[in-house]
Amino acid sequence: MTQNSISTMSIARAIATKDLRIEWRSKVLVNQVLPFAGIVMVLFAFALDNDGILQRVAPGLVWLAVLFSSLIIVQRTFAIESADNALDAIKVAGVSSAGVFLGKSVALAVQLLLFECVLVMLSLVLYQVQLSWGGAVLLVTVSVLANVGIATMGALYGGLGAAAKGRETLLPLLLLPAVAPVLIAATRATESAFGVSGATLGEGWPWVALLAVFGALFGFGGTLAFGVLTEE
């Protein structure tokens, strides 16, 4: 392993640890984001007050709630950096932009994964979805890979938005179209995991492979582009 890679990984670990510690102390995810997502899920249940409809659309509702809530998580993560001009200080210090990107992505992925666990359990109760052991394995795999795509794109466009004016409204315009393929693939795979609309477990794994491709492309592209896009 080269000195550069060691430095990059050390920076990524430090950034991820710092972000997770801030979240642990502030409890924003627990006190604000989770209640918001829970309200969204309950409103969906009331708006689609039909058992058959709820079960069919449950996978899409779960991932829509994840996507909307991820906007709040990403904005908060980079608002902290922008408030103290931390990103500018990192650039001046010559810190590896790839390390910053990877650290931010890991921290976002961890928060999203914990967040999704709660939403999935909530969906099983609210939407009365049956989940088999095979479906649970598929769902866990989907959640991990979808997290990679959402977290890497969130870190990339969150950094771009933090360096631009009007970042509060810019982030949704950038992030939502970028993660649309991840949302579609995750929804289709989750349909197979839940067994809705006659979907089988075998139909979900090709979508999992597509999520893996998206995650690899987004991660590699974000590592290369983060430093350039966050330059003012």
C-alpha atoms as a PDB file:
ATOM      1  CA  MET A   1       0.000   0.000   0.000  1.00  0.00           C
ATOM      2  CA  THR A   2       1.389   3.395  -0.981  1.00  0.00           C
ATOM      3  CA  GLN A   3       1.835   6.330   1.353  1.00  0.00           C
ATOM      4  CA  ASN A   4      -0.840   8.234  -0.587  1.00  0.00           C
ATOM      5  CA  SER A   5      -3.423   5.459  -0.132  1.00  0.00           C
ATOM      6  CA  ILE A   6      -2.603   5.229   3.578  1.00  0.00           C
ATOM      7  CA  SER A   7      -3.099   8.970   3.915  1.00  0.00           C
ATOM      8  CA  THR A   8      -6.383   8.860   1.998  1.00  0.00           C
ATOM      9  CA  MET A   9      -7.784   6.032   4.098  1.00  0.00           C
ATOM     10  CA  SER A  10      -6.666   7.718   7.321  1.00  0.00           C
ATOM     11  CA  ILE A  11      -8.416  10.914   6.304  1.00  0.00           C
ATOM     12  CA  ALA A  12     -11.558   8.995   5.333  1.00  0.00           C
ATOM     13  CA  ARG A  13     -11.608   7.241   8.694  1.00  0.00           C
ATOM     14  CA  ALA A  14     -11.121  10.519  10.558  1.00  0.00           C
ATOM     15  CA  ILE A  15     -13.875  12.306   8.599  1.00  0.00           C
ATOM     16  CA  ALA A  16     -16.333   9.435   9.043  1.00  0.00           C
ATOM     17  CA  THR A  17     -15.595   9.168  12.766  1.00  0.00           C
ATOM     18  CA  LYS A  18     -16.017  12.922  13.219  1.00  0.00           C
ATOM     19  CA  ASP A  19     -19.374  13.009  11.397  1.00  0.00           C
ATOM     20  CA  LEU A  20     -20.738  10.013  13.297  1.00  0.00           C
ATOM     21  CA  ARG A  21     -19.642  11.487  16.629  1.00  0.00           C
ATOM     22  CA  ILE A  22     -21.397  14.756  15.811  1.00  0.00           C
ATOM     23  CA  GLU A  23     -24.579  12.861  14.990  1.00  0.00           C
ATOM     24  CA  TRP A  24     -24.293  10.724  18.123  1.00  0.00           C
ATOM     25  CA  ARG A  25     -24.056  13.818  20.287  1.00  0.00           C
ATOM     26  CA  SER A  26     -26.689  15.899  18.502  1.00  0.00           C
ATOM     27  CA  LYS A  27     -29.235  13.065  17.997  1.00  0.00           C
ATOM     28  CA  VAL A  28     -30.674  14.901  14.966  1.00  0.00           C
ATOM     29  CA  LEU A  29     -31.291  11.619  13.152  1.00  0.00           C
ATOM     30  CA  VAL A  30     -33.289  10.241  16.079  1.00  0.00           C
ATOM     31  CA  ASN A  31     -35.046  13.418  17.172  1.00  0.00           C
ATOM     32  CA  GLN A  32     -35.853  14.998  13.804  1.00  0.00           C
ATOM     33  CA  VAL A  33     -35.259  12.833  10.722  1.00  0.00           C
ATOM     34  CA  LEU A  34     -36.820   9.616  12.009  1.00  0.00           C
ATOM     35  CA  PRO A  35     -40.017  11.348  13.223  1.00  0.00           C
ATOM     36  CA  PHE A  36     -40.269  13.107   9.847  1.00  0.00           C
ATOM     37  CA  ALA A  37     -39.950   9.803   7.976  1.00  0.00           C
ATOM     38  CA  GLY A  38     -42.403   8.137  10.336  1.00  0.00           C
ATOM     39  CA  ILE A  39     -44.976  10.853   9.694  1.00  0.00           C
ATOM     40  CA  VAL A  40     -44.474  10.451   5.936  1.00  0.00           C
ATOM     41  CA  MET A  41     -45.023   6.690   6.199  1.00  0.00           C
ATOM     42  CA  VAL A  42     -48.163   7.138   8.305  1.00  0.00           C
ATOM     43  CA  LEU A  43     -49.544   9.737   5.891  1.00  0.00           C
ATOM     44  CA  PHE A  44     -48.961   7.349   3.013  1.00  0.00           C
ATOM     45  CA  ALA A  45     -50.896   4.697   4.948  1.00  0.00           C
ATOM     46  CA  PHE A  46     -53.836   7.050   5.475  1.00  0.00           C
ATOM     47  CA  ALA A  47     -53.775   8.381   1.905  1.00  0.00           C
ATOM     48  CA  LEU A  48     -53.783   4.860   0.456  1.00  0.00           C
ATOM     49  CA  ASP A  49     -56.233   3.335   2.917  1.00  0.00           C
ATOM     50  CA  ASN A  50     -56.598   0.045   1.122  1.00  0.00           C
ATOM     51  CA  ASP A  51     -54.722  -3.103   2.112  1.00  0.00           C
ATOM     52  CA  GLY A  52     -54.194  -4.304  -1.434  1.00  0.00           C
ATOM     53  CA  ILE A  53     -52.858  -0.976  -2.647  1.00  0.00           C
ATOM     54  CA  LEU A  54     -50.620  -0.476   0.379  1.00  0.00           C
ATOM     55  CA  GLN A  55     -48.969  -3.857  -0.038  1.00  0.00           C
ATOM     56  CA  ARG A  56     -48.343  -3.289  -3.740  1.00  0.00           C
ATOM     57  CA  VAL A  57     -46.792   0.148  -3.330  1.00  0.00           C
ATOM     58  CA  ALA A  58     -45.010  -0.469   0.005  1.00  0.00           C
ATOM     59  CA  PRO A  59     -41.528  -0.913  -1.572  1.00  0.00           C
ATOM     60  CA  GLY A  60     -41.765   2.398  -3.394  1.00  0.00           C
ATOM     61  CA  LEU A  61     -43.066   4.187  -0.313  1.00  0.00           C
ATOM     62  CA  VAL A  62     -40.166   2.931   1.790  1.00  0.00           C
ATOM     63  CA  TRP A  63     -37.559   4.160  -0.685  1.00  0.00           C
ATOM     64  CA  LEU A  64     -39.316   7.472  -1.245  1.00  0.00           C
ATOM     65  CA  ALA A  65     -39.226   8.071   2.508  1.00  0.00           C
ATOM     66  CA  VAL A  66     -35.530   7.133   2.534  1.00  0.00           C
ATOM     67  CA  LEU A  67     -34.792   9.461  -0.371  1.00  0.00           C
ATOM     68  CA  PHE A  68     -36.602  12.474   1.073  1.00  0.00           C
ATOM     69  CA  SER A  69     -35.035  11.955   4.479  1.00  0.00           C
ATOM     70  CA  SER A  70     -31.568  11.536   2.966  1.00  0.00           C
ATOM     71  CA  LEU A  71     -31.834  15.116   1.707  1.00  0.00           C
ATOM     72  CA  ILE A  72     -32.134  16.302   5.307  1.00  0.00           C
ATOM     73  CA  ILE A  73     -29.207  14.151   6.433  1.00  0.00           C
ATOM     74  CA  VAL A  74     -26.945  15.323   3.594  1.00  0.00           C
ATOM     75  CA  GLN A  75     -27.843  18.987   4.061  1.00  0.00           C
ATOM     76  CA  ARG A  76     -27.115  18.798   7.779  1.00  0.00           C
ATOM     77  CA  THR A  77     -23.790  17.033   7.227  1.00  0.00           C
ATOM     78  CA  PHE A  78     -22.484  19.760   4.938  1.00  0.00           C
ATOM     79  CA  ALA A  79     -24.189  22.646   6.744  1.00  0.00           C
ATOM     80  CA  ILE A  80     -21.885  21.926   9.690  1.00  0.00           C
ATOM     81  CA  GLU A  81     -18.852  22.175   7.421  1.00  0.00           C
ATOM     82  CA  SER A  82     -20.112  25.345   5.718  1.00  0.00           C
ATOM     83  CA  ALA A  83     -20.922  27.137   8.963  1.00  0.00           C
ATOM     84  CA  ASP A  84     -17.289  27.081  10.088  1.00  0.00           C
ATOM     85  CA  ASN A  85     -15.787  27.190   6.579  1.00  0.00           C
ATOM     86  CA  ALA A  86     -14.330  23.770   7.354  1.00  0.00           C
ATOM     87  CA  LEU A  87     -14.280  22.711   3.703  1.00  0.00           C
ATOM     88  CA  ASP A  88     -12.187  25.765   2.818  1.00  0.00           C
ATOM     89  CA  ALA A  89      -9.801  24.989   5.659  1.00  0.00           C
ATOM     90  CA  ILE A  90      -9.469  21.413   4.424  1.00  0.00           C
ATOM     91  CA  LYS A  91      -8.620  22.628   0.926  1.00  0.00           C
ATOM     92  CA  VAL A  92      -6.035  25.086   2.215  1.00  0.00           C
ATOM     93  CA  ALA A  93      -4.456  22.367   4.356  1.00  0.00           C
ATOM     94  CA  GLY A  94      -3.995  20.203   1.276  1.00  0.00           C
ATOM     95  CA  VAL A  95      -6.054  17.321   2.667  1.00  0.00           C
ATOM     96  CA  SER A  96      -6.894  14.605   0.150  1.00  0.00           C
ATOM     97  CA  SER A  97     -10.286  15.368  -1.394  1.00  0.00           C
ATOM     98  CA  ALA A  98     -10.743  11.652  -2.090  1.00  0.00           C
ATOM     99  CA  GLY A  99     -10.348  10.956   1.624  1.00  0.00           C
ATOM    100  CA  VAL A 100     -12.935  13.614   2.496  1.00  0.00           C
ATOM    101  CA  PHE A 101     -15.354  12.182  -0.063  1.00  0.00           C
ATOM    102  CA  LEU A 102     -14.936   8.606   1.151  1.00  0.00           C
ATOM    103  CA  GLY A 103     -15.269   9.630   4.797  1.00  0.00           C
ATOM    104  CA  LYS A 104     -18.447  11.597   4.134  1.00  0.00           C
ATOM    105  CA  SER A 105     -19.858   8.705   2.091  1.00  0.00           C
ATOM    106  CA  VAL A 106     -19.183   6.147   4.835  1.00  0.00           C
ATOM    107  CA  ALA A 107     -20.770   8.347   7.518  1.00  0.00           C
ATOM    108  CA  LEU A 108     -23.853   8.937   5.371  1.00  0.00           C
ATOM    109  CA  ALA A 109     -24.131   5.227   4.531  1.00  0.00           C
ATOM    110  CA  VAL A 110     -24.021   4.215   8.208  1.00  0.00           C
ATOM    111  CA  GLN A 111     -26.717   6.724   9.140  1.00  0.00           C
ATOM    112  CA  LEU A 112     -28.915   5.694   6.215  1.00  0.00           C
ATOM    113  CA  LEU A 113     -28.567   1.992   6.981  1.00  0.00           C
ATOM    114  CA  LEU A 114     -29.685   2.455  10.587  1.00  0.00           C
ATOM    115  CA  PHE A 115     -32.458   4.692   9.352  1.00  0.00           C
ATOM    116  CA  GLU A 116     -33.675   2.120   6.816  1.00  0.00           C
ATOM    117  CA  CYS A 117     -33.838  -0.629   9.432  1.00  0.00           C
ATOM    118  CA  VAL A 118     -36.420   1.395  11.336  1.00  0.00           C
ATOM    119  CA  LEU A 119     -38.399   2.263   8.186  1.00  0.00           C
ATOM    120  CA  VAL A 120     -38.532  -1.346   7.013  1.00  0.00           C
ATOM    121  CA  MET A 121     -39.845  -2.507  10.389  1.00  0.00           C
ATOM    122  CA  LEU A 122     -42.376   0.314  10.319  1.00  0.00           C
ATOM    123  CA  SER A 123     -43.506  -0.674   6.825  1.00  0.00           C
ATOM    124  CA  LEU A 124     -44.005  -4.293   7.910  1.00  0.00           C
ATOM    125  CA  VAL A 125     -46.388  -3.086  10.622  1.00  0.00           C
ATOM    126  CA  LEU A 126     -48.191  -0.307   8.756  1.00  0.00           C
ATOM    127  CA  TYR A 127     -48.500  -1.981   5.375  1.00  0.00           C
ATOM    128  CA  GLN A 128     -48.868  -5.568   6.662  1.00  0.00           C
ATOM    129  CA  VAL A 129     -46.131  -6.938   4.425  1.00  0.00           C
ATOM    130  CA  GLN A 130     -44.988 -10.549   4.829  1.00  0.00           C
ATOM    131  CA  LEU A 131     -41.218 -11.093   4.732  1.00  0.00           C
ATOM    132  CA  SER A 132     -39.627 -14.535   4.352  1.00  0.00           C
ATOM    133  CA  TRP A 133     -36.062 -15.458   5.318  1.00  0.00           C
ATOM    134  CA  GLY A 134     -35.012 -15.353   1.675  1.00  0.00           C
ATOM    135  CA  GLY A 135     -36.722 -12.009   1.306  1.00  0.00           C
ATOM    136  CA  ALA A 136     -34.910 -10.711   4.389  1.00  0.00           C
ATOM    137  CA  VAL A 137     -31.524 -11.669   2.903  1.00  0.00           C
ATOM    138  CA  LEU A 138     -32.433  -9.960  -0.355  1.00  0.00           C
ATOM    139  CA  LEU A 139     -33.677  -6.867   1.474  1.00  0.00           C
ATOM    140  CA  VAL A 140     -30.503  -6.528   3.544  1.00  0.00           C
ATOM    141  CA  THR A 141     -28.375  -6.815   0.393  1.00  0.00           C
ATOM    142  CA  VAL A 142     -30.507  -4.239  -1.395  1.00  0.00           C
ATOM    143  CA  SER A 143     -30.299  -1.830   1.537  1.00  0.00           C
ATOM    144  CA  VAL A 144     -26.506  -2.032   1.739  1.00  0.00           C
ATOM    145  CA  LEU A 145     -25.938  -1.531  -1.993  1.00  0.00           C
ATOM    146  CA  ALA A 146     -28.585   1.168  -2.363  1.00  0.00           C
ATOM    147  CA  ASN A 147     -26.972   2.971   0.556  1.00  0.00           C
ATOM    148  CA  VAL A 148     -23.686   3.044  -1.317  1.00  0.00           C
ATOM    149  CA  GLY A 149     -25.315   4.742  -4.293  1.00  0.00           C
ATOM    150  CA  ILE A 150     -27.306   7.258  -2.254  1.00  0.00           C
ATOM    151  CA  ALA A 151     -24.441   8.024   0.135  1.00  0.00           C
ATOM    152  CA  THR A 152     -21.834   8.565  -2.585  1.00  0.00           C
ATOM    153  CA  MET A 153     -24.124  10.796  -4.609  1.00  0.00           C
ATOM    154  CA  GLY A 154     -25.166  12.599  -1.430  1.00  0.00           C
ATOM    155  CA  ALA A 155     -21.534  13.237  -0.523  1.00  0.00           C
ATOM    156  CA  LEU A 156     -20.691  14.416  -4.038  1.00  0.00           C
ATOM    157  CA  TYR A 157     -23.612  16.769  -4.566  1.00  0.00           C
ATOM    158  CA  GLY A 158     -23.703  17.796  -0.917  1.00  0.00           C
ATOM    159  CA  GLY A 159     -20.124  19.033  -1.312  1.00  0.00           C
ATOM    160  CA  LEU A 160     -21.020  20.786  -4.549  1.00  0.00           C
ATOM    161  CA  GLY A 161     -24.061  22.420  -2.941  1.00  0.00           C
ATOM    162  CA  ALA A 162     -22.045  23.506   0.090  1.00  0.00           C
ATOM    163  CA  ALA A 163     -19.650  25.390  -2.164  1.00  0.00           C
ATOM    164  CA  ALA A 164     -22.442  27.129  -4.088  1.00  0.00           C
ATOM    165  CA  LYS A 165     -24.935  29.854  -3.329  1.00  0.00           C
ATOM    166  CA  GLY A 166     -28.526  28.785  -2.726  1.00  0.00           C
ATOM    167  CA  ARG A 167     -27.411  25.367  -1.483  1.00  0.00           C
ATOM    168  CA  GLU A 168     -30.681  24.770   0.382  1.00  0.00           C
ATOM    169  CA  THR A 169     -32.597  24.543  -2.906  1.00  0.00           C
ATOM    170  CA  LEU A 170     -29.753  23.356  -5.120  1.00  0.00           C
ATOM    171  CA  LEU A 171     -29.189  20.001  -3.412  1.00  0.00           C
ATOM    172  CA  PRO A 172     -32.612  18.460  -4.218  1.00  0.00           C
ATOM    173  CA  LEU A 173     -32.332  19.573  -7.851  1.00  0.00           C
ATOM    174  CA  LEU A 174     -28.945  17.859  -8.154  1.00  0.00           C
ATOM    175  CA  LEU A 175     -29.419  14.788  -6.007  1.00  0.00           C
ATOM    176  CA  LEU A 176     -32.906  13.559  -6.891  1.00  0.00           C
ATOM    177  CA  PRO A 177     -32.273  13.006 -10.626  1.00  0.00           C
ATOM    178  CA  ALA A 178     -28.864  11.455  -9.906  1.00  0.00           C
ATOM    179  CA  VAL A 179     -30.219   8.802  -7.536  1.00  0.00           C
ATOM    180  CA  ALA A 180     -33.346   8.034  -9.601  1.00  0.00           C
ATOM    181  CA  PRO A 181     -31.746   4.862 -11.076  1.00  0.00           C
ATOM    182  CA  VAL A 182     -30.889   3.681  -7.563  1.00  0.00           C
ATOM    183  CA  LEU A 183     -34.454   4.366  -6.412  1.00  0.00           C
ATOM    184  CA  ILE A 184     -35.928   2.382  -9.320  1.00  0.00           C
ATOM    185  CA  ALA A 185     -33.598  -0.601  -8.892  1.00  0.00           C
ATOM    186  CA  ALA A 186     -34.033  -0.655  -5.095  1.00  0.00           C
ATOM    187  CA  THR A 187     -37.821  -0.498  -5.425  1.00  0.00           C
ATOM    188  CA  ARG A 188     -37.930  -3.380  -7.913  1.00  0.00           C
ATOM    189  CA  ALA A 189     -35.645  -5.524  -5.761  1.00  0.00           C
ATOM    190  CA  THR A 190     -37.661  -4.708  -2.642  1.00  0.00           C
ATOM    191  CA  GLU A 191     -40.836  -5.763  -4.450  1.00  0.00           C
ATOM    192  CA  SER A 192     -39.251  -9.184  -4.871  1.00  0.00           C
ATOM    193  CA  ALA A 193     -38.157  -9.240  -1.230  1.00  0.00           C
ATOM    194  CA  PHE A 194     -41.690  -8.385  -0.077  1.00  0.00           C
ATOM    195  CA  GLY A 195     -43.246 -10.713  -2.660  1.00  0.00           C
ATOM    196  CA  VAL A 196     -45.734  -8.096  -3.871  1.00  0.00           C
ATOM    197  CA  SER A 197     -47.365  -8.050  -7.308  1.00  0.00           C
ATOM    198  CA  GLY A 198     -46.402 -11.684  -7.822  1.00  0.00           C
ATOM    199  CA  ALA A 199     -42.667 -10.890  -7.826  1.00  0.00           C
ATOM    200  CA  THR A 200     -40.325 -13.771  -6.942  1.00  0.00           C
ATOM    201  CA  LEU A 201     -36.998 -13.658  -5.137  1.00  0.00           C
ATOM    202  CA  GLY A 202     -35.160 -14.646  -8.312  1.00  0.00           C
ATOM    203  CA  GLU A 203     -36.426 -11.520 -10.068  1.00  0.00           C
ATOM    204  CA  GLY A 204     -34.858  -9.289  -7.440  1.00  0.00           C
ATOM    205  CA  TRP A 205     -31.212 -10.358  -7.732  1.00  0.00           C
ATOM    206  CA  PRO A 206     -30.586  -8.866 -11.209  1.00  0.00           C
ATOM    207  CA  TRP A 207     -31.658  -5.521  -9.747  1.00  0.00           C
ATOM    208  CA  VAL A 208     -29.177  -6.111  -6.921  1.00  0.00           C
ATOM    209  CA  ALA A 209     -26.419  -6.585  -9.503  1.00  0.00           C
ATOM    210  CA  LEU A 210     -27.468  -3.309 -11.118  1.00  0.00           C
ATOM    211  CA  LEU A 211     -27.271  -1.572  -7.741  1.00  0.00           C
ATOM    212  CA  ALA A 212     -23.736  -2.921  -7.326  1.00  0.00           C
ATOM    213  CA  VAL A 213     -22.776  -1.434 -10.699  1.00  0.00           C
ATOM    214  CA  PHE A 214     -24.310   1.921  -9.770  1.00  0.00           C
ATOM    215  CA  GLY A 215     -22.486   1.925  -6.441  1.00  0.00           C
ATOM    216  CA  ALA A 216     -19.133   1.163  -8.064  1.00  0.00           C
ATOM    217  CA  LEU A 217     -19.587   3.822 -10.740  1.00  0.00           C
ATOM    218  CA  PHE A 218     -20.803   6.484  -8.324  1.00  0.00           C
ATOM    219  CA  GLY A 219     -18.040   5.719  -5.841  1.00  0.00           C
ATOM    220  CA  PHE A 220     -15.266   5.780  -8.431  1.00  0.00           C
ATOM    221  CA  GLY A 221     -16.626   8.860 -10.201  1.00  0.00           C
ATOM    222  CA  GLY A 222     -17.215  10.715  -6.946  1.00  0.00           C
ATOM    223  CA  THR A 223     -13.693  10.017  -5.737  1.00  0.00           C
ATOM    224  CA  LEU A 224     -12.282  11.584  -8.891  1.00  0.00           C
ATOM    225  CA  ALA A 225     -14.735  14.487  -9.162  1.00  0.00           C
ATOM    226  CA  PHE A 226     -15.251  15.612  -5.562  1.00  0.00           C
ATOM    227  CA  GLY A 227     -12.166  17.834  -5.392  1.00  0.00           C
ATOM    228  CA  VAL A 228     -12.943  19.540  -8.700  1.00  0.00           C
ATOM    229  CA  LEU A 229     -16.660  20.083  -8.044  1.00  0.00           C
ATOM    230  CA  THR A 230     -16.150  21.577  -4.585  1.00  0.00           C
ATOM    231  CA  GLU A 231     -13.735  24.219  -5.855  1.00  0.00           C
ATOM    232  CA  GLU A 232     -15.364  27.636  -5.749  1.00  0.00           C
END
